[in-house]
Amino acid sequence: MDPTTCYLDMYAAMKRKDFEAARELALALKAWLDRGGFFPPNYTETEVKGYLASVLRRTSHVEP
């Protein structure tokens, strides 16, 4: 898992309103972090966790 690529891909998916892809990426990144994976180096833990929560909340109507 490359958390930076995943984070940026999730951001891009949200921008293009591909909520299914964004949710899948968010869930994958969250699982990675929950298992002890490292955060994307150029982003703070607070920033990543906040954006993940936002994406998961905004895509809650989408089934992965």
N, C-alpha and C. Protein backbone atom coordinates (compact mmCIF):
# COMPACT_ATOMS: atom_id res chain seq x y z
N MET A 1 0.85 -1.18 0.00
CA MET A 1 0.00 0.00 0.00
C MET A 1 0.89 1.23 0.00
N ASP A 2 0.63 2.10 -0.92
CA ASP A 2 1.26 3.42 -0.92
C ASP A 2 0.20 4.40 -0.43
N PRO A 3 0.28 4.80 0.84
CA PRO A 3 -0.78 5.63 1.40
C PRO A 3 -0.89 7.00 0.72
N THR A 4 0.21 7.52 0.20
CA THR A 4 0.15 8.81 -0.49
C THR A 4 -0.66 8.69 -1.78
N THR A 5 -0.38 7.67 -2.56
CA THR A 5 -1.11 7.45 -3.80
C THR A 5 -2.59 7.22 -3.50
N CYS A 6 -2.88 6.42 -2.50
CA CYS A 6 -4.25 6.12 -2.13
C CYS A 6 -4.98 7.41 -1.73
N TYR A 7 -4.33 8.22 -0.92
CA TYR A 7 -4.92 9.48 -0.45
C TYR A 7 -5.20 10.41 -1.63
N LEU A 8 -4.25 10.56 -2.51
CA LEU A 8 -4.41 11.45 -3.66
C LEU A 8 -5.45 10.90 -4.64
N ASP A 9 -5.49 9.60 -4.83
CA ASP A 9 -6.50 8.99 -5.70
C ASP A 9 -7.90 9.18 -5.11
N MET A 10 -8.00 9.07 -3.80
CA MET A 10 -9.29 9.29 -3.13
C MET A 10 -9.74 10.74 -3.33
N TYR A 11 -8.82 11.67 -3.18
CA TYR A 11 -9.13 13.09 -3.39
C TYR A 11 -9.60 13.33 -4.83
N ALA A 12 -8.89 12.76 -5.79
CA ALA A 12 -9.25 12.92 -7.19
C ALA A 12 -10.62 12.31 -7.48
N ALA A 13 -10.91 11.16 -6.90
CA ALA A 13 -12.20 10.52 -7.10
C ALA A 13 -13.33 11.39 -6.56
N MET A 14 -13.11 12.01 -5.42
CA MET A 14 -14.13 12.91 -4.87
C MET A 14 -14.33 14.11 -5.79
N LYS A 15 -13.25 14.65 -6.33
CA LYS A 15 -13.37 15.80 -7.22
C LYS A 15 -14.19 15.47 -8.47
N ARG A 16 -14.04 14.27 -8.99
CA ARG A 16 -14.77 13.90 -10.20
C ARG A 16 -16.12 13.23 -9.87
N LYS A 17 -16.47 13.27 -8.58
CA LYS A 17 -17.74 12.73 -8.08
C LYS A 17 -17.89 11.23 -8.32
N ASP A 18 -16.78 10.52 -8.28
CA ASP A 18 -16.80 9.06 -8.37
C ASP A 18 -16.81 8.53 -6.93
N PHE A 19 -17.99 8.61 -6.33
CA PHE A 19 -18.11 8.32 -4.91
C PHE A 19 -17.84 6.85 -4.56
N GLU A 20 -18.14 5.96 -5.47
CA GLU A 20 -17.86 4.54 -5.21
C GLU A 20 -16.35 4.31 -5.10
N ALA A 21 -15.60 4.85 -6.04
CA ALA A 21 -14.13 4.70 -6.00
C ALA A 21 -13.56 5.39 -4.78
N ALA A 22 -14.07 6.58 -4.47
CA ALA A 22 -13.57 7.33 -3.31
C ALA A 22 -13.80 6.54 -2.02
N ARG A 23 -14.97 5.93 -1.90
CA ARG A 23 -15.27 5.16 -0.69
C ARG A 23 -14.37 3.93 -0.58
N GLU A 24 -14.18 3.23 -1.69
CA GLU A 24 -13.31 2.06 -1.67
C GLU A 24 -11.89 2.45 -1.25
N LEU A 25 -11.39 3.54 -1.78
CA LEU A 25 -10.05 4.01 -1.42
C LEU A 25 -9.99 4.44 0.04
N ALA A 26 -11.03 5.12 0.50
CA ALA A 26 -11.07 5.56 1.90
C ALA A 26 -11.07 4.36 2.84
N LEU A 27 -11.87 3.36 2.51
CA LEU A 27 -11.92 2.16 3.36
C LEU A 27 -10.58 1.42 3.35
N ALA A 28 -9.94 1.37 2.20
CA ALA A 28 -8.63 0.71 2.11
C ALA A 28 -7.58 1.46 2.93
N LEU A 29 -7.58 2.78 2.82
CA LEU A 29 -6.60 3.57 3.58
C LEU A 29 -6.88 3.48 5.07
N LYS A 30 -8.15 3.53 5.45
CA LYS A 30 -8.50 3.41 6.88
C LYS A 30 -8.05 2.06 7.42
N ALA A 31 -8.29 0.99 6.67
CA ALA A 31 -7.87 -0.35 7.12
C ALA A 31 -6.36 -0.40 7.26
N TRP A 32 -5.64 0.18 6.32
CA TRP A 32 -4.18 0.23 6.36
C TRP A 32 -3.71 0.93 7.64
N LEU A 33 -4.30 2.08 7.92
CA LEU A 33 -3.91 2.85 9.10
C LEU A 33 -4.30 2.12 10.39
N ASP A 34 -5.48 1.49 10.40
CA ASP A 34 -5.94 0.75 11.58
C ASP A 34 -5.02 -0.43 11.89
N ARG A 35 -4.35 -0.97 10.86
CA ARG A 35 -3.41 -2.09 11.07
C ARG A 35 -2.00 -1.61 11.42
N GLY A 36 -1.85 -0.30 11.59
CA GLY A 36 -0.55 0.23 11.98
C GLY A 36 0.27 0.79 10.84
N GLY A 37 -0.33 0.91 9.66
CA GLY A 37 0.38 1.49 8.52
C GLY A 37 0.71 2.95 8.78
N PHE A 38 1.67 3.44 8.03
CA PHE A 38 2.10 4.83 8.23
C PHE A 38 1.24 5.79 7.41
N PHE A 39 1.15 7.02 7.91
CA PHE A 39 0.38 8.06 7.23
C PHE A 39 1.19 8.59 6.05
N PRO A 40 0.50 9.14 5.06
CA PRO A 40 1.22 9.76 3.94
C PRO A 40 2.19 10.80 4.50
N PRO A 41 3.45 10.76 4.10
CA PRO A 41 4.48 11.60 4.71
C PRO A 41 4.24 13.12 4.63
N ASN A 42 3.58 13.59 3.60
CA ASN A 42 3.41 15.04 3.45
C ASN A 42 2.12 15.57 4.05
N TYR A 43 1.43 14.74 4.81
CA TYR A 43 0.15 15.13 5.40
C TYR A 43 0.15 14.79 6.89
N THR A 44 -0.53 15.62 7.67
CA THR A 44 -0.58 15.37 9.11
C THR A 44 -1.61 14.28 9.40
N GLU A 45 -1.45 13.64 10.53
CA GLU A 45 -2.41 12.62 10.96
C GLU A 45 -3.81 13.23 11.07
N THR A 46 -3.89 14.43 11.62
CA THR A 46 -5.17 15.12 11.78
C THR A 46 -5.82 15.38 10.42
N GLU A 47 -5.03 15.83 9.47
CA GLU A 47 -5.55 16.12 8.13
C GLU A 47 -6.09 14.86 7.46
N VAL A 48 -5.33 13.78 7.53
CA VAL A 48 -5.74 12.53 6.88
C VAL A 48 -6.98 11.96 7.56
N LYS A 49 -6.98 11.90 8.88
CA LYS A 49 -8.13 11.35 9.59
C LYS A 49 -9.38 12.20 9.34
N GLY A 50 -9.21 13.51 9.30
CA GLY A 50 -10.34 14.40 9.04
C GLY A 50 -10.92 14.20 7.65
N TYR A 51 -10.04 14.10 6.65
CA TYR A 51 -10.53 13.91 5.29
C TYR A 51 -11.14 12.53 5.11
N LEU A 52 -10.54 11.52 5.71
CA LEU A 52 -11.12 10.17 5.66
C LEU A 52 -12.53 10.17 6.24
N ALA A 53 -12.71 10.80 7.40
CA ALA A 53 -14.02 10.86 8.03
C ALA A 53 -15.01 11.58 7.12
N SER A 54 -14.57 12.66 6.50
CA SER A 54 -15.43 13.42 5.60
C SER A 54 -15.85 12.58 4.40
N VAL A 55 -14.90 11.90 3.78
CA VAL A 55 -15.21 11.08 2.61
C VAL A 55 -16.16 9.95 2.99
N LEU A 56 -15.89 9.29 4.09
CA LEU A 56 -16.75 8.18 4.51
C LEU A 56 -18.16 8.68 4.84
N ARG A 57 -18.27 9.84 5.45
CA ARG A 57 -19.57 10.40 5.76
C ARG A 57 -20.31 10.79 4.48
N ARG A 58 -19.61 11.44 3.55
CA ARG A 58 -20.23 11.92 2.31
C ARG A 58 -20.56 10.79 1.34
N THR A 59 -19.95 9.64 1.52
CA THR A 59 -20.20 8.51 0.62
C THR A 59 -20.94 7.37 1.32
N SER A 60 -21.52 7.64 2.46
CA SER A 60 -22.16 6.58 3.23
C SER A 60 -23.34 5.93 2.50
N HIS A 61 -23.89 6.61 1.51
CA HIS A 61 -25.00 6.07 0.73
C HIS A 61 -24.53 5.09 -0.36
N VAL A 62 -23.22 5.00 -0.54
CA VAL A 62 -22.64 4.16 -1.60
C VAL A 62 -22.20 2.83 -0.99
N GLU A 63 -22.58 1.75 -1.66
CA GLU A 63 -22.11 0.44 -1.20
C GLU A 63 -20.83 0.09 -1.97
N PRO A 64 -19.78 -0.28 -1.23
CA PRO A 64 -18.52 -0.63 -1.91
C PRO A 64 -18.59 -1.93 -2.69
